[in-house]
């Protein structure tokens, strides 16, 4: 739902310090990496380029030498394939009204073919048999192959898991978890945009209400367990109740140039809905892309946001009452001009800017409704 700009989440000073901390931590482990045909000595890992990339953003791989880039590319493609698990297939099934018959079976097979075609060019997956046509014939075959790949992936992550042990790293640095959360400039859960996940000071130390979610679960993808852009500050409901360690191709909350695409809209039954009558309108989720639709179903956004129809009702009423004439009255009272953003914040609690999503609960909902 919410996209965060990669380049504004962490400041450069914190990134440099954090990368050095990870480098020192891994260096003292003195272990290497053996991942299928990729091999790195302890010195190669700690030399700078590779460890700096892993500790910050191993997903972009910009400007790396060919050996490092090839390894991180293979690991990323392998990881993404594993996200298309039974949880994904179950979400796809929920979107069909009729769940039987030849068309239903054909659509599900097409979905399995889509997944396989997406990853069949990866050399490691080719070696493990992804081109076998029997994989897509039925769900049982697909899940058996998926489990096989998951097992091979786990075996090839044994030494990586020891090197990048999240719990060991957290114990090695005083209050590092809360320092990470303090430096992520987000105080509202980006998965739901409902709950505060802010920080506070207690007995001279920074404390945080937030969970650190690993976008790629650390129990399965240990290479990413210390990566800053794999950390998503989140509320406990989204992280511990909904997401947990499930495998699903979620939409990343981090983006280079995030676009503020409309997500919520109001469907009016009659004119009373325009005046905020909750029985005369429905609140709907309106993602356009397939991955965003699947993401909204996974995080139960439609069901959860049904609880906020009363807030939408108040918003609709305020929009009718507090118009340009009211803004002029305030300016006369204050003897000063106020901007459109200031006026919106005074009346609706949001400015209309993307920055609202980082600090104001329900701001995505409110901004989308006000723009409609």
Protein backbone atom coordinates (compact mmCIF):
# COMPACT_ATOMS: atom_id res chain seq x y z
CA UNK A 1 0.00 0.00 0.00
CA UNK A 2 2.69 2.48 1.05
CA UNK A 3 5.93 2.91 -0.89
CA UNK A 4 8.94 4.43 0.85
CA UNK A 5 11.73 6.25 -1.03
CA UNK A 6 14.93 4.22 -0.69
CA UNK A 7 17.22 7.23 -0.67
CA UNK A 8 15.42 9.04 2.17
CA UNK A 9 14.86 6.30 4.74
CA UNK A 10 18.38 6.21 6.20
CA UNK A 11 20.91 9.02 6.40
CA UNK A 12 24.39 8.38 5.00
CA UNK A 13 26.13 8.66 8.36
CA UNK A 14 24.01 5.89 9.86
CA UNK A 15 24.44 3.69 6.77
CA UNK A 16 28.25 4.01 6.95
CA UNK A 17 28.31 3.18 10.66
CA UNK A 18 25.96 0.25 10.25
CA UNK A 19 27.92 -1.20 7.33
CA UNK A 20 31.11 -1.05 9.39
CA UNK A 21 29.38 -2.79 12.30
CA UNK A 22 28.19 -5.61 10.02
CA UNK A 23 31.62 -5.86 8.41
CA UNK A 24 33.32 -6.19 11.82
CA UNK A 25 30.74 -8.73 12.96
CA UNK A 26 31.14 -10.94 9.89
CA UNK A 27 34.94 -10.54 9.85
CA UNK A 28 35.24 -12.01 13.35
CA UNK A 29 33.26 -15.06 12.23
CA UNK A 30 36.03 -15.83 9.70
CA UNK A 31 33.72 -17.95 7.57
CA UNK A 32 33.26 -18.27 3.84
CA UNK A 33 30.25 -18.68 1.57
CA UNK A 34 29.48 -21.71 -0.55
CA UNK A 35 26.17 -21.32 -2.37
CA UNK A 36 25.77 -23.87 -5.17
CA UNK A 37 28.58 -22.95 -7.63
CA UNK A 38 29.34 -19.62 -5.91
CA UNK A 39 32.24 -19.56 -3.47
CA UNK A 40 33.77 -16.73 -1.42
CA UNK A 41 36.57 -16.78 1.13
CA UNK A 42 36.30 -14.88 4.42
CA UNK A 43 38.63 -12.20 3.05
CA UNK A 44 36.56 -11.79 -0.13
CA UNK A 45 33.39 -11.32 1.91
CA UNK A 46 34.91 -8.74 4.25
CA UNK A 47 36.91 -6.86 1.61
CA UNK A 48 34.31 -4.10 1.31
CA UNK A 49 32.18 -4.21 -1.82
CA UNK A 50 30.24 -7.41 -1.15
CA UNK A 51 29.63 -6.91 2.58
CA UNK A 52 28.63 -3.26 2.07
CA UNK A 53 26.09 -4.29 -0.54
CA UNK A 54 24.68 -7.13 1.57
CA UNK A 55 24.36 -4.94 4.66
CA UNK A 56 22.51 -2.16 2.83
CA UNK A 57 20.80 -3.15 -0.43
CA UNK A 58 21.65 -6.57 -1.93
CA UNK A 59 18.61 -6.32 -4.23
CA UNK A 60 19.85 -3.56 -6.56
CA UNK A 61 23.46 -4.76 -7.06
CA UNK A 62 24.52 -1.51 -8.74
CA UNK A 63 28.20 -1.14 -9.68
CA UNK A 64 29.42 -4.51 -8.38
CA UNK A 65 32.12 -6.63 -9.94
CA UNK A 66 30.83 -9.52 -12.02
CA UNK A 67 31.47 -12.24 -9.41
CA UNK A 68 29.58 -10.43 -6.66
CA UNK A 69 26.78 -9.38 -8.99
CA UNK A 70 26.32 -12.90 -10.36
CA UNK A 71 26.09 -14.39 -6.86
CA UNK A 72 23.60 -11.81 -5.56
CA UNK A 73 21.52 -12.12 -8.74
CA UNK A 74 21.29 -15.90 -8.40
CA UNK A 75 20.44 -15.65 -4.70
CA UNK A 76 17.75 -13.04 -5.38
CA UNK A 77 16.11 -14.97 -8.22
CA UNK A 78 16.19 -18.19 -6.20
CA UNK A 79 14.66 -16.36 -3.22
CA UNK A 80 11.91 -14.83 -5.31
CA UNK A 81 10.93 -18.19 -6.72
CA UNK A 82 10.49 -19.55 -3.19
CA UNK A 83 8.04 -16.74 -2.42
CA UNK A 84 5.57 -18.35 -4.83
CA UNK A 85 4.50 -20.96 -2.30
CA UNK A 86 1.16 -22.54 -1.39
CA UNK A 87 0.21 -19.25 0.31
CA UNK A 88 0.42 -17.51 -3.04
CA UNK A 89 -1.61 -20.19 -4.80
CA UNK A 90 -4.29 -19.97 -2.11
CA UNK A 91 -4.57 -16.19 -2.58
CA UNK A 92 -5.01 -16.72 -6.33
CA UNK A 93 -7.81 -19.22 -5.67
CA UNK A 94 -9.75 -16.73 -3.55
CA UNK A 95 -10.15 -14.48 -6.60
CA UNK A 96 -12.26 -16.99 -8.53
CA UNK A 97 -16.02 -17.00 -7.94
CA UNK A 98 -16.45 -20.49 -9.38
CA UNK A 99 -13.91 -22.88 -7.90
CA UNK A 100 -14.53 -25.95 -10.01
CA UNK A 101 -14.66 -27.05 -13.63
CA UNK A 102 -12.22 -27.04 -16.54
CA UNK A 103 -11.84 -23.24 -16.75
CA UNK A 104 -10.91 -23.02 -13.08
CA UNK A 105 -8.30 -25.78 -13.45
CA UNK A 106 -6.95 -24.16 -16.62
CA UNK A 107 -6.58 -20.78 -14.92
CA UNK A 108 -4.69 -22.33 -12.01
CA UNK A 109 -2.40 -24.21 -14.41
CA UNK A 110 -1.74 -20.96 -16.29
CA UNK A 111 -0.72 -19.38 -12.99
CA UNK A 112 1.79 -22.18 -12.36
CA UNK A 113 3.12 -21.79 -15.91
CA UNK A 114 3.47 -18.05 -15.30
CA UNK A 115 5.59 -18.71 -12.20
CA UNK A 116 7.84 -21.26 -13.90
CA UNK A 117 8.35 -19.06 -16.97
CA UNK A 118 9.31 -16.18 -14.71
CA UNK A 119 12.29 -18.11 -13.28
CA UNK A 120 13.21 -20.80 -15.79
CA UNK A 121 16.19 -18.84 -17.16
CA UNK A 122 18.06 -19.08 -13.85
CA UNK A 123 20.99 -21.51 -14.28
CA UNK A 124 20.71 -23.06 -10.82
CA UNK A 125 16.98 -23.64 -11.15
CA UNK A 126 17.59 -25.11 -14.61
CA UNK A 127 20.07 -27.56 -13.10
CA UNK A 128 17.47 -28.52 -10.48
CA UNK A 129 14.87 -29.32 -13.13
CA UNK A 130 12.63 -26.28 -13.47
CA UNK A 131 12.15 -27.06 -17.20
CA UNK A 132 10.40 -30.35 -16.44
CA UNK A 133 6.92 -29.91 -18.01
CA UNK A 134 5.27 -32.14 -15.40
CA UNK A 135 5.80 -29.44 -12.73
CA UNK A 136 2.92 -27.31 -13.98
CA UNK A 137 0.43 -30.12 -14.67
CA UNK A 138 -1.10 -29.99 -11.20
CA UNK A 139 -0.65 -28.27 -7.87
CA UNK A 140 0.75 -31.39 -6.19
CA UNK A 141 3.64 -31.58 -8.69
CA UNK A 142 4.33 -27.87 -8.37
CA UNK A 143 4.43 -27.93 -4.55
CA UNK A 144 6.64 -31.03 -4.55
CA UNK A 145 9.10 -29.22 -6.80
CA UNK A 146 8.84 -26.10 -4.65
CA UNK A 147 9.62 -28.11 -1.51
CA UNK A 148 12.57 -29.73 -3.26
CA UNK A 149 13.96 -26.30 -4.18
CA UNK A 150 13.36 -25.03 -0.66
CA UNK A 151 15.34 -27.97 0.74
CA UNK A 152 18.26 -27.40 -1.66
CA UNK A 153 18.23 -23.70 -0.80
CA UNK A 154 18.35 -24.44 2.94
CA UNK A 155 21.29 -26.83 2.52
CA UNK A 156 23.24 -24.24 0.55
CA UNK A 157 22.56 -21.58 3.18
CA UNK A 158 24.11 -23.44 6.12
CA UNK A 159 27.31 -21.38 6.32
CA UNK A 160 25.53 -18.16 5.31
CA UNK A 161 23.16 -18.59 8.27
CA UNK A 162 26.14 -18.79 10.65
CA UNK A 163 27.82 -15.71 9.17
CA UNK A 164 24.77 -13.46 9.15
CA UNK A 165 23.08 -14.58 12.36
CA UNK A 166 20.58 -11.85 13.23
CA UNK A 167 20.25 -12.74 16.91
CA UNK A 168 24.02 -12.86 17.39
CA UNK A 169 24.36 -9.49 15.71
CA UNK A 170 21.66 -7.92 17.89
CA UNK A 171 23.45 -9.18 20.98
CA UNK A 172 26.79 -7.84 19.73
CA UNK A 173 25.66 -4.21 19.63
CA UNK A 174 24.13 -2.29 22.53
CA UNK A 175 20.54 -1.25 21.69
CA UNK A 176 21.19 -1.74 17.94
CA UNK A 177 17.62 -2.81 17.20
CA UNK A 178 16.13 0.41 18.55
CA UNK A 179 18.86 2.48 16.89
CA UNK A 180 17.92 0.95 13.54
CA UNK A 181 14.26 1.78 14.09
CA UNK A 182 15.15 5.29 15.23
CA UNK A 183 16.98 5.89 11.95
CA UNK A 184 14.13 4.61 9.78
CA UNK A 185 12.11 7.79 9.42
CA UNK A 186 8.75 6.01 9.55
CA UNK A 187 6.37 6.07 12.50
CA UNK A 188 3.29 4.50 10.88
CA UNK A 189 3.22 0.86 9.77
CA UNK A 190 3.73 0.87 5.97
CA UNK A 191 1.89 -2.43 5.56
CA UNK A 192 -1.44 -1.11 6.90
CA UNK A 193 -0.96 2.67 7.40
CA UNK A 194 -3.04 2.39 10.57
CA UNK A 195 -0.83 1.78 13.59
CA UNK A 196 1.80 3.98 15.23
CA UNK A 197 5.26 2.39 15.37
CA UNK A 198 7.11 5.33 16.89
CA UNK A 199 10.01 5.57 19.32
CA UNK A 200 10.45 7.06 22.80
CA UNK A 201 13.17 7.47 25.40
CA UNK A 202 13.21 5.46 28.62
CA UNK A 203 15.97 5.52 31.25
CA UNK A 204 18.28 7.21 28.77
CA UNK A 205 17.79 4.65 26.01
CA UNK A 206 15.83 4.72 22.77
CA UNK A 207 12.85 2.36 22.82
CA UNK A 208 10.52 1.48 19.97
CA UNK A 209 6.95 0.27 19.65
CA UNK A 210 7.72 -1.13 16.19
CA UNK A 211 8.54 -4.65 15.12
CA UNK A 212 11.42 -5.20 12.72
CA UNK A 213 9.94 -7.34 9.99
CA UNK A 214 12.31 -9.08 7.62
CA UNK A 215 10.67 -8.65 4.21
CA UNK A 216 12.47 -11.83 3.14
CA UNK A 217 12.09 -13.90 6.36
CA UNK A 218 15.46 -14.29 8.04
CA UNK A 219 14.75 -17.91 8.96
CA UNK A 220 14.69 -18.84 5.27
CA UNK A 221 16.85 -16.15 3.60
CA UNK A 222 19.80 -15.64 5.98
CA UNK A 223 21.86 -13.60 3.51
CA UNK A 224 19.30 -10.80 3.92
CA UNK A 225 18.96 -11.08 7.70
CA UNK A 226 21.17 -7.99 8.32
CA UNK A 227 20.25 -5.98 5.19
CA UNK A 228 18.85 -2.55 6.01
CA UNK A 229 16.49 -2.60 3.03
CA UNK A 230 15.16 -5.96 4.16
CA UNK A 231 14.07 -4.36 7.45
CA UNK A 232 10.50 -3.08 7.46
CA UNK A 233 9.29 -1.30 10.60
CA UNK A 234 5.81 -2.67 11.17
CA UNK A 235 3.03 -3.11 13.68
CA UNK A 236 2.70 -6.39 15.56
CA UNK A 237 -0.57 -7.32 13.83
CA UNK A 238 0.86 -7.07 10.31
CA UNK A 239 4.13 -8.75 11.26
CA UNK A 240 3.19 -11.39 13.84
CA UNK A 241 -0.45 -12.16 13.05
CA UNK A 242 -0.64 -11.83 9.25
CA UNK A 243 2.82 -12.02 7.67
CA UNK A 244 4.90 -14.13 10.07
CA UNK A 245 7.37 -16.33 8.14
CA UNK A 246 4.99 -17.14 5.32
CA UNK A 247 6.36 -17.19 1.79
CA UNK A 248 4.52 -14.84 -0.53
CA UNK A 249 5.61 -12.39 -3.27
CA UNK A 250 4.76 -9.26 -1.32
CA UNK A 251 5.16 -5.85 -2.91
CA UNK A 252 8.25 -4.20 -1.48
CA UNK A 253 7.66 -1.05 0.56
CA UNK A 254 10.95 0.42 -0.73
CA UNK A 255 11.17 2.01 -4.17
CA UNK A 256 13.51 4.33 -6.06
CA UNK A 257 10.83 6.76 -7.23
CA UNK A 258 7.59 5.77 -5.50
CA UNK A 259 4.38 6.80 -7.22
CA UNK A 260 1.35 7.74 -5.15
CA UNK A 261 -1.20 5.55 -6.92
CA UNK A 262 -4.81 5.63 -5.77
CA UNK A 263 -5.68 2.71 -3.50
CA UNK A 264 -9.04 3.59 -1.88
CA UNK A 265 -12.26 4.80 -3.39
CA UNK A 266 -15.88 5.31 -2.29
CA UNK A 267 -18.73 3.64 -4.15
CA UNK A 268 -21.91 5.68 -3.59
CA UNK A 269 -25.30 3.95 -3.62
CA UNK A 270 -27.28 7.19 -3.70
CA UNK A 271 -26.95 10.91 -3.00
CA UNK A 272 -27.02 10.37 0.77
CA UNK A 273 -23.62 8.75 0.47
CA UNK A 274 -22.16 12.07 -0.65
CA UNK A 275 -23.28 13.50 2.68
CA UNK A 276 -21.55 10.76 4.65
CA UNK A 277 -24.42 8.35 5.32
CA UNK A 278 -22.56 5.11 6.05
CA UNK A 279 -25.47 3.00 4.74
CA UNK A 280 -25.27 4.78 1.39
CA UNK A 281 -21.70 4.08 0.37
CA UNK A 282 -19.10 1.32 0.35
CA UNK A 283 -15.39 1.75 0.95
CA UNK A 284 -13.40 -0.20 -1.61
CA UNK A 285 -9.76 -1.10 -2.21
CA UNK A 286 -8.73 -0.30 -5.79
CA UNK A 287 -5.24 -1.56 -6.64
CA UNK A 288 -4.70 -1.84 -10.39
CA UNK A 289 -1.70 -4.15 -10.70
CA UNK A 290 -1.91 -7.88 -10.14
CA UNK A 291 0.80 -7.87 -7.48
CA UNK A 292 -0.91 -5.03 -5.59
CA UNK A 293 -4.25 -6.86 -5.68
CA UNK A 294 -2.62 -10.00 -4.28
CA UNK A 295 -0.81 -7.94 -1.66
CA UNK A 296 -4.06 -6.28 -0.51
CA UNK A 297 -5.73 -9.68 -0.12
CA UNK A 298 -2.77 -11.07 1.80
CA UNK A 299 -2.77 -8.17 4.29
CA UNK A 300 -6.60 -8.22 4.55
CA UNK A 301 -6.91 -4.54 3.71
CA UNK A 302 -10.54 -4.67 2.54
CA UNK A 303 -11.69 -6.42 5.70
CA UNK A 304 -9.61 -4.30 8.07
CA UNK A 305 -10.57 -0.98 6.51
CA UNK A 306 -14.27 -1.78 6.83
CA UNK A 307 -13.71 -0.62 10.42
CA UNK A 308 -13.01 2.91 9.15
CA UNK A 309 -16.28 3.74 7.41
CA UNK A 310 -17.15 6.14 10.23
CA UNK A 311 -13.90 8.06 9.63
CA UNK A 312 -14.74 8.22 5.92
CA UNK A 313 -18.22 9.50 6.80
CA UNK A 314 -16.76 12.35 8.86
CA UNK A 315 -14.30 13.12 6.06
CA UNK A 316 -17.08 13.36 3.47
CA UNK A 317 -19.08 15.71 5.71
CA UNK A 318 -16.08 17.93 6.40
CA UNK A 319 -15.30 18.14 2.70
CA UNK A 320 -18.73 19.62 2.07
CA UNK A 321 -18.65 22.06 4.98
CA UNK A 322 -15.06 23.27 5.00
CA UNK A 323 -14.70 24.71 1.50
CA UNK A 324 -12.75 27.59 -0.03
CA UNK A 325 -15.06 30.12 1.66
CA UNK A 326 -14.20 28.67 5.06
CA UNK A 327 -10.51 28.89 4.20
CA UNK A 328 -10.94 32.60 3.41
CA UNK A 329 -12.67 33.13 6.76
CA UNK A 330 -9.74 31.55 8.60
CA UNK A 331 -7.28 33.75 6.72
CA UNK A 332 -9.24 36.85 7.70
CA UNK A 333 -9.31 35.70 11.32
CA UNK A 334 -5.57 35.04 11.33
CA UNK A 335 -4.77 38.09 9.19
CA UNK A 336 -2.50 35.80 7.26
CA UNK A 337 -2.60 33.60 4.17
CA UNK A 338 -2.51 29.83 4.67
CA UNK A 339 -1.48 27.30 2.05
CA UNK A 340 -3.77 24.61 0.72
CA UNK A 341 -1.69 22.01 2.56
CA UNK A 342 -1.96 23.91 5.84
CA UNK A 343 -5.71 24.23 5.41
CA UNK A 344 -6.11 20.51 4.72
CA UNK A 345 -4.06 19.61 7.76
CA UNK A 346 -6.10 21.91 10.03
CA UNK A 347 -9.40 20.43 8.86
CA UNK A 348 -8.70 16.86 7.79
CA UNK A 349 -5.48 16.00 9.63
CA UNK A 350 -3.55 15.40 6.39
CA UNK A 351 -1.72 17.69 3.98
CA UNK A 352 -2.25 15.69 0.79
CA UNK A 353 1.49 15.04 0.43
CA UNK A 354 3.20 11.65 0.22
CA UNK A 355 5.11 12.51 3.40
CA UNK A 356 1.85 12.08 5.35
CA UNK A 357 2.17 8.31 4.93
CA UNK A 358 5.29 8.18 7.10
CA UNK A 359 3.80 10.02 10.09
CA UNK A 360 -0.03 10.11 10.02
CA UNK A 361 -2.27 7.04 10.52
CA UNK A 362 -4.96 6.49 7.87
CA UNK A 363 -3.36 9.21 5.74
CA UNK A 364 -3.45 7.09 2.57
CA UNK A 365 -7.18 6.53 3.02
CA UNK A 366 -7.86 10.21 3.71
CA UNK A 367 -5.71 11.54 0.86
CA UNK A 368 -7.25 9.16 -1.66
CA UNK A 369 -10.80 10.12 -0.64
CA UNK A 370 -10.04 13.83 -0.67
CA UNK A 371 -8.53 13.58 -4.15
CA UNK A 372 -11.58 11.78 -5.57
